[in-house]
Protein backbone atom coordinates (compact mmCIF):
# COMPACT_ATOMS: atom_id res chain seq x y z
CA MET A 1 61.29 119.51 54.26
CA PRO A 2 57.92 118.74 55.84
CA ASN A 3 57.81 115.62 57.92
CA GLN A 4 56.24 112.60 56.27
CA THR A 5 53.33 111.02 58.09
CA GLY A 6 53.70 107.43 59.19
CA LYS A 7 55.17 105.72 62.27
CA ASN A 8 54.38 108.78 64.38
CA GLU A 9 51.51 107.11 66.23
CA LEU A 10 52.87 106.99 69.77
CA LYS A 11 54.53 110.40 69.65
CA VAL A 12 51.27 111.87 68.32
CA CYS A 13 49.40 110.19 71.17
CA ASP A 14 51.90 111.56 73.67
CA ALA A 15 51.30 115.08 72.32
CA VAL A 16 47.54 114.78 72.87
CA ILE A 17 48.03 113.30 76.35
CA ARG A 18 50.22 116.27 77.30
CA CYS A 19 47.44 118.62 76.22
CA LEU A 20 44.88 116.67 78.26
CA GLU A 21 47.16 116.77 81.30
CA GLN A 22 47.36 120.54 80.99
CA VAL A 23 43.60 120.94 80.53
CA THR A 24 42.60 118.61 83.37
CA GLY A 25 45.46 119.37 85.75
CA LYS A 26 45.99 115.62 86.24
CA ASN A 27 48.93 113.37 85.39
CA ARG A 28 48.62 110.24 83.32
CA SER A 29 48.72 106.81 84.96
CA LYS A 30 47.87 103.15 84.29
CA GLY A 31 48.94 103.31 80.64
CA PHE A 32 49.05 100.21 78.48
CA SER A 33 48.83 98.99 74.89
CA PRO A 34 45.69 96.88 74.30
CA GLU A 35 47.41 95.24 71.34
CA ASP A 36 50.15 93.93 73.65
CA GLN A 37 47.44 92.42 75.81
CA GLN A 38 45.65 90.93 72.78
CA HIS A 39 42.51 92.91 73.48
CA SER A 40 39.59 92.42 71.08
CA ALA A 41 39.60 96.16 70.33
CA PRO A 42 43.33 96.95 69.96
CA VAL A 43 43.35 100.74 70.00
CA GLU A 44 46.60 102.72 70.13
CA TRP A 45 46.80 103.47 73.86
CA VAL A 46 44.76 103.38 77.08
CA PHE A 47 45.54 105.42 80.20
CA ALA A 48 43.89 107.23 83.09
CA LEU A 49 43.65 110.84 84.21
CA GLY A 50 42.47 110.67 87.80
CA GLU A 51 39.58 108.21 87.87
CA ILE A 52 38.69 108.53 84.19
CA GLN A 53 39.96 106.03 81.67
CA TYR A 54 40.91 107.45 78.26
CA VAL A 55 41.22 105.47 75.05
CA LEU A 56 43.19 106.80 72.07
CA GLU A 57 42.99 105.65 68.48
CA HIS A 58 45.19 107.20 65.78
CA THR A 59 44.70 107.50 62.05
CA ILE A 60 46.24 109.47 59.20
CA VAL A 61 44.02 111.71 57.06
CA GLU A 62 44.72 112.95 53.56
CA PRO A 63 43.15 115.58 51.32
CA PHE A 64 42.36 112.78 48.88
CA GLU A 65 42.95 109.04 48.53
CA GLY A 66 46.50 108.20 47.51
CA HIS A 67 47.87 111.66 48.36
CA THR A 68 50.44 110.27 50.79
CA LYS A 69 51.67 107.58 48.38
CA SER A 70 52.11 110.00 45.49
CA GLY A 71 53.69 112.40 47.97
CA VAL A 72 56.62 110.02 48.36
CA ASP A 73 57.48 110.48 44.68
CA PHE A 74 57.01 114.22 45.05
CA VAL A 75 59.34 114.37 48.06
CA ASN A 76 62.01 112.40 46.19
CA PHE A 77 61.82 114.93 43.39
CA ILE A 78 61.63 118.09 45.50
CA ASN A 79 64.09 117.29 48.33
CA PRO A 80 67.29 118.13 46.37
CA ILE A 81 65.65 121.34 45.14
CA VAL A 82 64.70 122.52 48.63
CA GLU A 83 68.11 121.61 50.05
CA LYS A 84 69.80 123.62 47.31
CA LEU A 85 67.54 126.68 47.52
CA THR A 86 66.81 127.06 51.25
CA PRO A 87 70.23 128.42 52.35
CA ASN A 88 70.08 131.10 49.66
CA LEU A 89 66.55 132.51 49.76
CA PRO A 90 66.70 136.12 48.55
CA CYS A 91 64.55 137.63 51.34
CA PRO A 92 63.02 136.62 54.73
CA ALA A 93 59.58 135.76 53.39
CA ILE A 94 57.42 132.65 53.14
CA PHE A 95 58.03 130.98 49.77
CA THR A 96 55.52 128.50 48.34
CA LEU A 97 56.52 126.73 45.13
CA THR A 98 53.66 124.74 43.61
CA PHE A 99 54.09 122.09 40.91
CA ASP A 100 51.66 120.22 38.70
CA ASP A 101 51.53 116.43 38.92
CA LYS A 102 53.95 115.85 36.06
CA VAL A 103 56.83 115.79 38.54
CA THR A 104 55.45 112.56 40.09
CA MET A 105 55.25 110.74 36.77
CA PRO A 106 57.88 108.10 35.94
CA MET A 107 61.10 109.55 34.49
CA SER A 108 64.71 108.50 34.12
CA PRO A 109 67.34 109.77 36.61
CA LYS A 110 68.79 111.94 33.85
CA GLU A 111 65.39 113.49 33.11
CA ARG A 112 64.76 114.07 36.82
CA ILE A 113 68.08 115.88 37.33
CA LYS A 114 67.49 118.03 34.26
CA LEU A 115 64.04 119.03 35.52
CA GLN A 116 65.37 119.73 39.03
CA ASN A 117 68.12 121.99 37.67
CA ALA A 118 65.63 123.84 35.47
CA THR A 119 63.42 124.40 38.52
CA ILE A 120 66.31 125.83 40.56
CA THR A 121 67.25 128.24 37.78
CA TRP A 122 63.63 129.36 37.34
CA PHE A 123 63.17 129.84 41.09
CA HIS A 124 66.36 131.88 41.54
CA HIS A 125 65.27 134.35 38.89
CA PHE A 126 61.65 134.84 39.84
CA ALA A 127 62.16 134.69 43.62
CA THR A 128 64.64 137.56 43.34
CA VAL A 129 62.20 139.55 41.21
CA LEU A 130 59.32 138.97 43.64
CA CYS A 131 61.43 139.88 46.68
CA GLY A 132 62.24 143.21 45.03
CA ARG A 133 58.57 143.87 44.38
CA LEU A 134 57.68 142.88 47.94
CA LYS A 135 60.18 145.38 49.36
CA GLN A 136 58.69 148.10 47.19
CA ALA A 137 55.20 147.21 48.39
CA GLN A 138 56.23 147.43 52.05
CA THR A 139 57.87 150.61 53.27
CA ASP A 140 58.48 148.91 56.62
CA LEU A 141 58.95 145.20 55.94
CA GLU A 142 59.04 144.27 59.62
CA ASN A 143 55.73 145.90 60.56
CA ARG A 144 53.54 145.38 57.50
CA GLN A 145 51.61 142.11 57.29
CA ASP A 146 49.83 139.84 54.84
CA GLU A 147 51.48 141.10 51.67
CA GLU A 148 51.60 138.41 48.98
CA LEU A 149 52.93 138.38 45.45
CA PHE A 150 53.11 135.54 42.95
CA THR A 151 54.17 134.51 39.47
CA ILE A 152 53.20 131.62 37.20
CA GLY A 153 55.37 129.93 34.59
CA SER A 154 56.48 126.63 33.13
CA ILE A 155 59.83 124.94 32.69
CA GLU A 156 61.27 122.67 30.04
CA PRO A 157 61.70 119.87 29.13
CA ALA A 158 58.34 118.58 30.35
CA LYS A 159 56.52 121.93 30.38
CA VAL A 160 55.89 121.54 34.10
CA LYS A 161 53.62 124.28 35.41
CA LEU A 162 54.98 126.24 38.39
CA HIS A 163 53.39 128.75 40.73
CA LEU A 164 55.66 130.72 43.07
CA SER A 165 54.26 132.93 45.81
CA ILE A 166 56.03 134.89 48.52
CA SER A 167 54.37 136.55 51.48
CA ARG A 168 54.91 138.21 54.83
CA ASP A 169 52.24 136.89 57.17
CA TYR A 170 52.89 137.19 60.90
CA SER A 171 49.86 135.06 61.77
CA VAL A 172 51.77 131.93 60.77
CA PRO A 173 54.18 130.16 63.17
CA THR A 174 57.68 131.60 63.46
CA GLU A 175 59.09 128.30 62.19
CA SER A 176 57.37 128.88 58.83
CA ARG A 177 58.99 132.23 58.06
CA GLY A 178 62.04 132.48 55.83
CA LYS A 179 61.44 128.99 54.44
CA LEU A 180 60.53 127.37 51.16
CA PHE A 181 57.44 125.17 51.14
CA PRO A 182 56.89 122.92 48.12
CA ALA A 183 53.32 122.10 47.13
CA ARG A 184 51.29 120.44 44.41
CA PHE A 185 48.22 121.64 42.58
CA SER A 186 45.12 119.99 44.00
CA PRO A 187 42.23 118.24 42.28
CA ASP A 188 39.22 120.46 41.58
CA ASP A 189 37.04 118.43 43.96
CA THR A 190 39.43 118.27 46.91
CA GLU A 191 36.88 118.85 49.67
CA PRO A 192 34.46 116.04 48.66
CA LEU A 193 37.49 113.78 48.27
CA ARG A 194 38.75 114.83 51.72
CA GLN A 195 35.41 113.97 53.28
CA THR A 196 35.37 110.58 51.56
CA ARG A 197 38.86 109.85 52.91
CA ILE A 198 37.92 110.88 56.45
CA ALA A 199 34.69 108.86 56.31
CA ARG A 200 36.67 105.76 55.32
CA ALA A 201 39.10 106.31 58.20
CA MET A 202 36.24 106.67 60.69
CA GLU A 203 34.51 103.58 59.35
CA LYS A 204 37.66 101.62 60.12
CA LYS A 205 38.60 103.18 63.47
CA LEU A 206 35.37 104.01 65.29
CA PRO A 207 34.14 100.43 65.93
CA LYS A 208 37.19 99.79 68.13
CA LEU A 209 36.62 103.00 70.08
CA MET A 210 32.91 102.24 70.53
CA LYS A 211 33.71 98.92 72.22
CA TRP A 212 35.67 100.82 74.85
CA GLN A 213 33.06 103.57 75.08
CA ALA A 214 30.42 100.96 75.88
CA GLY A 215 32.52 100.14 78.94
CA ALA A 216 32.42 103.78 80.14
CA ALA A 217 35.86 104.77 78.85
CA ARG A 218 36.33 108.23 77.36
CA THR A 219 37.19 107.82 73.68
CA ILE A 220 39.42 110.04 71.55
CA LEU A 221 40.07 109.74 67.84
CA ILE A 222 43.35 111.40 66.85
CA LEU A 223 43.77 112.55 63.26
CA GLU A 224 47.30 113.14 61.99
CA TYR A 225 48.11 115.06 58.83
CA GLY A 226 51.39 116.00 57.21
CA ASP A 227 50.19 118.19 54.37
CA ILE A 228 50.56 121.98 54.51
CA ALA A 229 49.49 122.82 50.97
CA LEU A 230 45.91 121.51 50.96
CA SER A 231 45.09 121.05 54.64
CA ASN A 232 44.63 123.01 57.84
CA HIS A 233 42.60 122.49 60.99
CA ILE A 234 39.59 124.42 59.67
CA VAL A 235 39.07 122.49 56.42
CA ILE A 236 39.64 119.20 58.24
CA LEU A 237 37.18 120.19 60.98
CA GLU A 238 34.54 121.04 58.38
CA ALA A 239 35.04 117.67 56.69
CA VAL A 240 34.81 115.90 60.05
CA GLU A 241 31.61 117.75 60.94
CA ARG A 242 30.00 116.78 57.63
CA THR A 243 31.06 113.16 58.10
CA LEU A 244 29.71 112.94 61.66
CA ILE A 245 26.22 113.95 60.51
CA ASN A 246 25.73 110.41 59.22
CA ILE A 247 27.33 108.65 62.20
CA THR A 248 25.18 107.68 65.19
CA THR A 249 27.83 106.64 67.70
CA LYS A 250 30.61 109.20 67.92
CA PRO A 251 33.82 109.41 69.95
CA ASN A 252 33.81 111.77 72.92
CA GLU A 253 36.60 113.85 71.43
CA ILE A 254 38.45 114.29 68.13
CA TRP A 255 41.94 115.81 68.12
CA LEU A 256 44.14 116.86 65.22
CA VAL A 257 47.94 116.82 65.08
CA SER A 258 49.88 118.47 62.27
CA THR A 259 53.25 116.81 61.70
CA ALA A 260 53.95 118.85 58.56
CA ILE A 261 56.90 120.81 60.01
CA ASP A 262 59.69 118.61 61.28
CA THR A 263 60.66 121.01 64.08
CA ALA A 264 57.17 121.82 65.39
CA TRP A 265 54.01 119.75 65.61
CA PHE A 266 50.73 121.57 66.24
CA VAL A 267 47.79 120.12 68.17
CA HIS A 268 44.13 121.20 68.07
CA CYS A 269 41.08 119.76 69.77
CA LEU A 270 38.54 119.72 66.95
CA ILE A 271 35.50 118.39 68.79
CA LYS A 272 34.72 117.68 72.45
CA ASP A 273 31.33 116.30 73.49
CA GLY A 274 29.76 117.61 70.30
CA ASN A 275 31.27 121.11 70.52
CA SER A 276 33.66 122.26 67.80
CA LEU A 277 36.95 123.95 68.75
CA PRO A 278 36.15 123.83 72.47
CA TYR A 279 39.45 125.44 73.48
CA ASP A 280 39.28 128.44 71.15
CA ASN A 281 39.02 130.70 74.22
CA PHE A 282 41.61 128.67 76.13
CA ASP A 283 45.16 129.97 76.48
CA PRO A 284 46.67 128.52 74.40
CA HIS A 285 43.89 127.43 72.03
CA PHE A 286 46.40 125.13 70.32
CA TRP A 287 49.60 123.46 71.48
CA ARG A 288 53.04 123.20 69.90
CA TYR A 289 55.67 120.53 70.53
CA HIS A 290 59.03 119.69 69.06
CA PRO A 291 58.78 116.00 68.05
CA GLU A 292 62.06 115.23 69.78
CA GLU A 293 60.56 116.16 73.16
CA LEU A 294 57.69 113.71 72.71
CA ASN A 295 58.00 110.25 74.23
CA PRO A 296 57.06 107.27 72.05
CA MET A 297 57.07 105.13 75.20
CA LEU A 298 54.17 107.25 76.57
CA ALA A 299 55.65 107.19 80.08
C-alpha cells in the first residue's frame, strides 16, 4: 500500500539535504533544530553547506482539503483488498482500481466485509479479461509501451462505482510495475482546490522562513505528498506557480518529496531562485531513496 503522509518530516528533510549535498559537492555541518533551542521561528531544520546556512521547513500538501483525513478511512477499507489481490495479479501490468467515495462512508463491519469481498470477486474477473486483451494488443509485451485498457462497473450492495485500468508504461518507476494501486474519484474542481490547499500551507509556513531569510539564510520549503492518484510533480508545480504570483516574499527554493510508495521516495526541486524545474537537465533530474536509508536524526 502507498505510504501515508505524516511523521515523515525529518526523513523528508534528510532526503532533500542529500540532494543538495550532491548538487553542491559539499557535506552538511552545524545542523540543529530551532524548536529545541526555542527559536522564535521554529522551522524544521537548520544546517550549513560550506559557508551557506540553509533553513528547511516541511509541510504536507493535498489535492484538496480533508483528502488525507478521508484517506485514512479509504486505506482501512482498501488494505485487506490489496493484500488479498497483490500476490495473484493475472499479468505483470500496472493495475489502478478507482472507487467512488461511498467506500469512505460509515458502515458496519459486516457491511464492510461484504463490500470488500464483492470488490475482490469483481476485480478477479475483469482483471483477467483485461490482461487477455492487453496480450492480444501487444505482440511483444516486453517491448511495446503505453498500452492501456480499462473497464467500468459497479458492485452490490451499495452500488459502488469502480474503474479498473491496466497498462504497460515503462516511463514509470520499476517499483510501480506489477502492482495494484487503489485510487478514488476526484472532485470536478480538483486543481482550484489544490491551489487553495497549497496557498493555505504557504500562508502558515512562509512567515517562519522569511524571518531566517532576513538574516541571510537560504530558505527551502519542502512539500510532501503521499497521493499517487490525483497528484504528481507537474500538477503540484503548476499550483505552486499560480500561488506564488500573489506572494511578494518567496523562499529561495521549493522542493517536493513523494512518499506515496513505501519502498521508494522521489524528490524533485520544483523552483530555485525563481526558475522552475532547475535540474531538468541535471543527471539525475530527480532523486530516489528508500525511506529506510534516510536518517531521521539528520546526522
